[in-house]
Amino acid sequence: MVCVVAATVVVAGCGASRSQVPPGTAEADQFLNTRGQEELKERHWVRAREYFRQIVDNYPQSQYRPDAKLAVGDTYIGEDTTESLLLAVNEFREFLTFYPTNPRADYAQYRLAVAYAEQMKAPERDQTATRDVIRELTAFLERYPNSALAPDAKKLWREAKDRLSEASYLVGRHYYRVEWYPGAIDRFREVLKNDPEYTRRDAVYFHLAEALRLSNPKTGKAEALPYYERLLKEFEQSEYLEDARKRVAELKAPD
C-alpha cells in the first residue's frame, strides 16, 4: 500500500513539474510558448494549456501573450466537452475585449463561432447554439470581409443557416403530414423568406406547392404552380423533380 501511495506521489510530482520553466532559462515566455506549441501539435490539450496559461497569467508584457490566449481557447475546443466549449467561448470573448485591434482578432472571432458550432444540435432539437453561430459569423463577415478565414466562415455560416432552416422545414413537414395545411404553408413560406438560399429548398418548394394545391381547390392550383416551376428551374437534381413535372403538366392541361 505504501508503495502505491509513493508511486502516486511521484507521478503527481512529475505532472506538476512538467510545465515548469527550468532554472536559468533566459527567455521563459519563449520556452513556455515553444513547449505549448509542441504539445498542441500532438493534441495534448491539457499539457498545452498548462504552458500557455502560464504565459497568460504570469507574463503580461510578453509578445507571446495574445497568441497564448488564443491557444488556450483552442485547447478547450480540442477537448470538445460541454464544459470545455463554454470555457473556449469565454477565452475568445476575452481576447476580443482585451485585444480588439490585434492582427489575429479575426481568428478569435472565427474560433468563437466554431466553439458554438461544436455545440449545435440536430435540427429536431433546440437551435440556440445554431443561432449563436450565425450571429458570431455574421459579425465576422461584417468586420473581417478580407480575412483569409472568410471562405471557412462563409461555409460554416451556410451550414448553420441550413441547420436552422431544416429545423423550421421539419415543423412545416409535420403540419403537412397531419394535413394542417395553413400551418404548413406559413412555415414553408417563412423558411423561403428567412433563407432564400437554403440548400434543400427544393423540398420546401415541393411541399409548399402541394400544401397550396390541397388546401384550396379553387385558388390553390394557381398559387402552387410557380413553386413547382421554381423547383424545376433551380434544381437539376432532386428527388422531387419527377413529381413536380407531373404536377406542372396536370395544372397546365386544358380543363
Protein backbone atom coordinates (compact mmCIF):
# COMPACT_ATOMS: atom_id res chain seq x y z
CA MET A 1 0.00 0.00 0.00
CA VAL A 2 2.85 2.36 0.90
CA CYS A 3 4.50 1.64 -2.47
CA VAL A 4 1.30 2.51 -4.33
CA VAL A 5 0.96 5.81 -2.48
CA ALA A 6 4.61 6.63 -3.09
CA ALA A 7 4.26 5.89 -6.80
CA THR A 8 1.20 8.09 -6.98
CA VAL A 9 3.06 10.96 -5.36
CA VAL A 10 5.94 10.58 -7.81
CA VAL A 11 3.61 10.59 -10.82
CA ALA A 12 1.74 13.58 -9.48
CA GLY A 13 5.01 15.37 -8.90
CA CYS A 14 6.12 14.72 -12.46
CA GLY A 15 2.82 16.04 -13.80
CA ALA A 16 3.08 19.16 -11.67
CA SER A 17 6.62 19.92 -12.82
CA ARG A 18 6.09 19.11 -16.48
CA SER A 19 5.20 22.69 -17.39
CA GLN A 20 7.69 24.40 -15.09
CA VAL A 21 10.41 26.62 -16.55
CA PRO A 22 13.89 25.16 -15.91
CA PRO A 23 16.02 27.34 -13.61
CA GLY A 24 18.27 29.72 -15.51
CA THR A 25 16.11 29.85 -18.65
CA ALA A 26 16.84 33.22 -20.28
CA GLU A 27 13.51 33.73 -22.07
CA ALA A 28 10.98 31.85 -20.02
CA ASP A 29 7.95 33.01 -22.02
CA GLN A 30 9.54 31.82 -25.25
CA PHE A 31 10.32 28.47 -23.65
CA LEU A 32 6.72 28.10 -22.49
CA ASN A 33 5.36 29.06 -25.89
CA THR A 34 7.59 26.58 -27.71
CA ARG A 35 6.67 23.75 -25.38
CA GLY A 36 3.00 24.67 -25.56
CA GLN A 37 3.05 24.62 -29.35
CA GLU A 38 4.71 21.20 -29.31
CA GLU A 39 2.03 19.80 -27.02
CA LEU A 40 -0.72 21.47 -29.04
CA LYS A 41 0.59 19.87 -32.22
CA GLU A 42 0.38 16.48 -30.51
CA ARG A 43 -3.20 17.26 -29.38
CA HIS A 44 -2.19 17.05 -25.74
CA TRP A 45 -4.79 19.61 -24.77
CA VAL A 46 -4.26 19.78 -21.01
CA ARG A 47 -0.46 19.82 -21.19
CA ALA A 48 -0.50 22.50 -23.87
CA ARG A 49 -2.88 24.60 -21.84
CA GLU A 50 -0.59 24.43 -18.80
CA TYR A 51 2.20 26.12 -20.76
CA PHE A 52 0.03 28.73 -22.43
CA ARG A 53 -1.82 29.55 -19.23
CA GLN A 54 1.46 30.39 -17.53
CA ILE A 55 2.23 32.95 -20.23
CA VAL A 56 -1.23 34.49 -19.94
CA ASP A 57 -1.17 34.63 -16.15
CA ASN A 58 2.49 35.39 -15.41
CA TYR A 59 3.89 37.33 -18.37
CA PRO A 60 1.54 40.27 -19.07
CA GLN A 61 4.11 42.08 -21.24
CA SER A 62 5.14 39.05 -23.27
CA GLN A 63 4.87 39.23 -27.04
CA TYR A 64 3.51 35.68 -26.88
CA ARG A 65 0.63 36.51 -24.55
CA PRO A 66 -2.08 37.23 -27.19
CA ASP A 67 -1.28 34.05 -29.12
CA ALA A 68 -1.16 32.10 -25.86
CA LYS A 69 -4.63 33.37 -25.01
CA LEU A 70 -5.91 32.10 -28.35
CA ALA A 71 -4.14 28.79 -27.88
CA VAL A 72 -5.84 28.29 -24.52
CA GLY A 73 -9.17 28.64 -26.30
CA ASP A 74 -8.04 26.18 -28.96
CA THR A 75 -7.18 23.58 -26.33
CA TYR A 76 -10.69 23.87 -24.91
CA ILE A 77 -12.21 23.34 -28.34
CA GLY A 78 -9.89 20.38 -28.80
CA GLU A 79 -11.23 18.74 -25.63
CA ASP A 80 -14.74 19.06 -27.07
CA THR A 81 -16.77 18.63 -23.88
CA THR A 82 -19.78 20.66 -22.83
CA GLU A 83 -17.76 22.44 -20.16
CA SER A 84 -14.64 22.97 -22.26
CA LEU A 85 -16.60 24.52 -25.13
CA LEU A 86 -18.16 27.04 -22.77
CA LEU A 87 -14.67 27.87 -21.50
CA ALA A 88 -13.48 28.27 -25.08
CA VAL A 89 -16.24 30.80 -25.73
CA ASN A 90 -15.09 32.76 -22.70
CA GLU A 91 -11.42 32.75 -23.79
CA PHE A 92 -12.17 34.07 -27.27
CA ARG A 93 -14.58 36.70 -25.98
CA GLU A 94 -11.96 37.91 -23.53
CA PHE A 95 -9.40 38.07 -26.32
CA LEU A 96 -11.69 40.29 -28.39
CA THR A 97 -12.24 42.51 -25.36
CA PHE A 98 -8.55 42.83 -24.46
CA TYR A 99 -7.09 42.82 -27.99
CA PRO A 100 -9.76 44.24 -30.34
CA THR A 101 -7.18 45.56 -32.81
CA ASN A 102 -4.82 42.60 -32.67
CA PRO A 103 -3.92 41.16 -36.12
CA ARG A 104 -5.45 37.85 -35.04
CA ALA A 105 -8.77 39.28 -33.88
CA ASP A 106 -10.38 37.70 -36.94
CA TYR A 107 -9.12 34.31 -35.78
CA ALA A 108 -10.62 34.89 -32.33
CA GLN A 109 -13.98 35.84 -33.82
CA TYR A 110 -13.98 32.81 -36.10
CA ARG A 111 -12.97 30.38 -33.37
CA LEU A 112 -15.65 31.85 -31.12
CA ALA A 113 -18.16 30.79 -33.75
CA VAL A 114 -16.52 27.36 -34.03
CA ALA A 115 -16.86 26.88 -30.27
CA TYR A 116 -20.60 27.44 -30.65
CA ALA A 117 -20.74 25.26 -33.77
CA GLU A 118 -19.40 22.33 -31.77
CA GLN A 119 -22.47 22.72 -29.55
CA MET A 120 -25.06 22.68 -32.37
CA LYS A 121 -27.75 20.03 -32.04
CA ALA A 122 -29.74 18.08 -34.59
CA PRO A 123 -32.47 20.04 -36.44
CA GLU A 124 -35.17 18.35 -34.35
CA ARG A 125 -33.68 19.75 -31.14
CA ASP A 126 -33.04 23.17 -29.59
CA GLN A 127 -31.29 25.54 -32.02
CA THR A 128 -29.90 28.11 -29.59
CA ALA A 129 -26.27 27.25 -30.39
CA THR A 130 -27.03 27.38 -34.12
CA ARG A 131 -28.34 30.92 -33.75
CA ASP A 132 -25.20 31.81 -31.79
CA VAL A 133 -23.05 30.52 -34.65
CA ILE A 134 -24.95 32.60 -37.20
CA ARG A 135 -24.69 35.71 -35.02
CA GLU A 136 -20.93 35.40 -34.50
CA LEU A 137 -20.19 34.57 -38.13
CA THR A 138 -22.34 37.45 -39.33
CA ALA A 139 -20.22 39.71 -37.13
CA PHE A 140 -17.07 38.10 -38.53
CA LEU A 141 -18.08 38.67 -42.16
CA GLU A 142 -19.01 42.28 -41.42
CA ARG A 143 -15.77 43.08 -39.58
CA TYR A 144 -13.26 40.98 -41.49
CA PRO A 145 -14.53 40.55 -45.08
CA ASN A 146 -10.97 40.25 -46.43
CA SER A 147 -9.75 37.76 -43.85
CA ALA A 148 -8.08 34.58 -45.09
CA LEU A 149 -10.62 32.80 -42.88
CA ALA A 150 -13.58 34.29 -44.74
CA PRO A 151 -14.14 31.25 -47.02
CA ASP A 152 -14.25 28.93 -43.99
CA ALA A 153 -16.53 31.37 -42.19
CA LYS A 154 -18.93 31.50 -45.14
CA LYS A 155 -19.02 27.72 -45.37
CA LEU A 156 -19.78 27.34 -41.66
CA TRP A 157 -22.35 30.13 -41.84
CA ARG A 158 -24.13 28.25 -44.64
CA GLU A 159 -24.08 25.04 -42.62
CA ALA A 160 -25.60 26.81 -39.62
CA LYS A 161 -28.25 28.55 -41.72
CA ASP A 162 -29.14 25.22 -43.31
CA ARG A 163 -29.45 23.64 -39.86
CA LEU A 164 -31.80 26.38 -38.70
CA SER A 165 -33.85 26.27 -41.89
CA GLU A 166 -34.04 22.49 -41.70
CA ALA A 167 -35.47 22.79 -38.21
CA SER A 168 -38.26 25.06 -39.48
CA TYR A 169 -38.84 22.92 -42.56
CA LEU A 170 -39.32 19.81 -40.43
CA VAL A 171 -42.02 21.57 -38.42
CA GLY A 172 -43.77 22.51 -41.66
CA ARG A 173 -43.46 18.97 -42.97
CA HIS A 174 -45.08 17.66 -39.80
CA TYR A 175 -48.01 20.02 -40.29
CA TYR A 176 -48.22 18.88 -43.91
CA ARG A 177 -48.30 15.21 -42.95
CA VAL A 178 -51.11 15.73 -40.44
CA GLU A 179 -52.92 17.76 -43.14
CA TRP A 180 -52.90 21.05 -41.30
CA TYR A 181 -52.09 22.91 -44.47
CA PRO A 182 -52.40 26.53 -43.23
CA GLY A 183 -49.70 25.84 -40.62
CA ALA A 184 -47.52 24.08 -43.17
CA ILE A 185 -47.88 26.90 -45.71
CA ASP A 186 -46.93 29.55 -43.14
CA ARG A 187 -43.85 27.61 -42.03
CA PHE A 188 -42.63 26.84 -45.56
CA ARG A 189 -43.04 30.46 -46.61
CA GLU A 190 -41.15 31.54 -43.52
CA VAL A 191 -38.21 29.32 -44.50
CA LEU A 192 -38.05 30.80 -48.01
CA LYS A 193 -38.32 34.35 -46.67
CA ASN A 194 -35.64 33.96 -43.99
CA ASP A 195 -33.26 31.81 -46.01
CA PRO A 196 -33.82 32.04 -49.79
CA GLU A 197 -30.54 30.17 -50.40
CA TYR A 198 -31.44 27.21 -48.20
CA THR A 199 -29.66 24.22 -49.72
CA ARG A 200 -32.72 21.95 -49.52
CA ARG A 201 -35.28 24.47 -50.66
CA ASP A 202 -36.36 22.02 -53.39
CA ALA A 203 -38.17 20.14 -50.63
CA VAL A 204 -39.71 23.38 -49.42
CA TYR A 205 -40.87 24.33 -52.92
CA PHE A 206 -42.48 20.96 -53.46
CA HIS A 207 -44.26 20.64 -50.13
CA LEU A 208 -45.37 24.26 -50.19
CA ALA A 209 -46.84 23.74 -53.65
CA GLU A 210 -48.53 20.54 -52.53
CA ALA A 211 -49.95 22.20 -49.43
CA LEU A 212 -51.31 25.10 -51.50
CA ARG A 213 -52.79 22.75 -54.10
CA LEU A 214 -54.53 20.63 -51.48
CA SER A 215 -55.66 23.44 -49.20
CA ASN A 216 -57.93 25.23 -51.63
CA PRO A 217 -59.40 23.51 -54.72
CA LYS A 218 -60.32 26.84 -56.31
CA THR A 219 -57.23 29.04 -55.90
CA GLY A 220 -54.61 26.60 -54.64
CA LYS A 221 -53.59 25.26 -58.03
CA ALA A 222 -52.72 28.70 -59.39
CA GLU A 223 -50.73 29.52 -56.27
CA ALA A 224 -48.92 26.18 -56.36
CA LEU A 225 -47.76 26.28 -59.99
CA PRO A 226 -44.96 28.88 -59.55
CA TYR A 227 -43.32 26.80 -56.81
CA TYR A 228 -43.31 23.64 -58.91
CA GLU A 229 -41.76 25.66 -61.72
CA ARG A 230 -39.11 27.19 -59.47
CA LEU A 231 -38.13 23.71 -58.37
CA LEU A 232 -37.69 22.60 -61.99
CA LYS A 233 -35.77 25.76 -62.89
CA GLU A 234 -33.37 25.89 -59.96
CA PHE A 235 -32.55 22.20 -59.44
CA GLU A 236 -31.05 19.81 -61.94
CA GLN A 237 -31.10 17.03 -59.36
CA SER A 238 -33.82 16.50 -56.77
CA GLU A 239 -35.95 13.63 -55.57
CA TYR A 240 -38.98 15.83 -56.27
CA LEU A 241 -38.31 16.59 -59.95
CA GLU A 242 -40.42 13.81 -61.44
CA ASP A 243 -43.44 14.57 -59.28
CA ALA A 244 -43.04 18.30 -59.94
CA ARG A 245 -43.06 17.73 -63.70
CA LYS A 246 -46.24 15.68 -63.39
CA ARG A 247 -47.92 18.38 -61.34
CA VAL A 248 -46.97 21.11 -63.84
CA ALA A 249 -48.35 19.05 -66.70
CA GLU A 250 -51.57 18.42 -64.80
CA LEU A 251 -52.02 22.07 -63.81
CA LYS A 252 -51.35 23.33 -67.33
CA ALA A 253 -53.55 20.76 -69.04
CA PRO A 254 -56.79 22.10 -70.58
CA ASP A 255 -59.84 21.57 -68.39
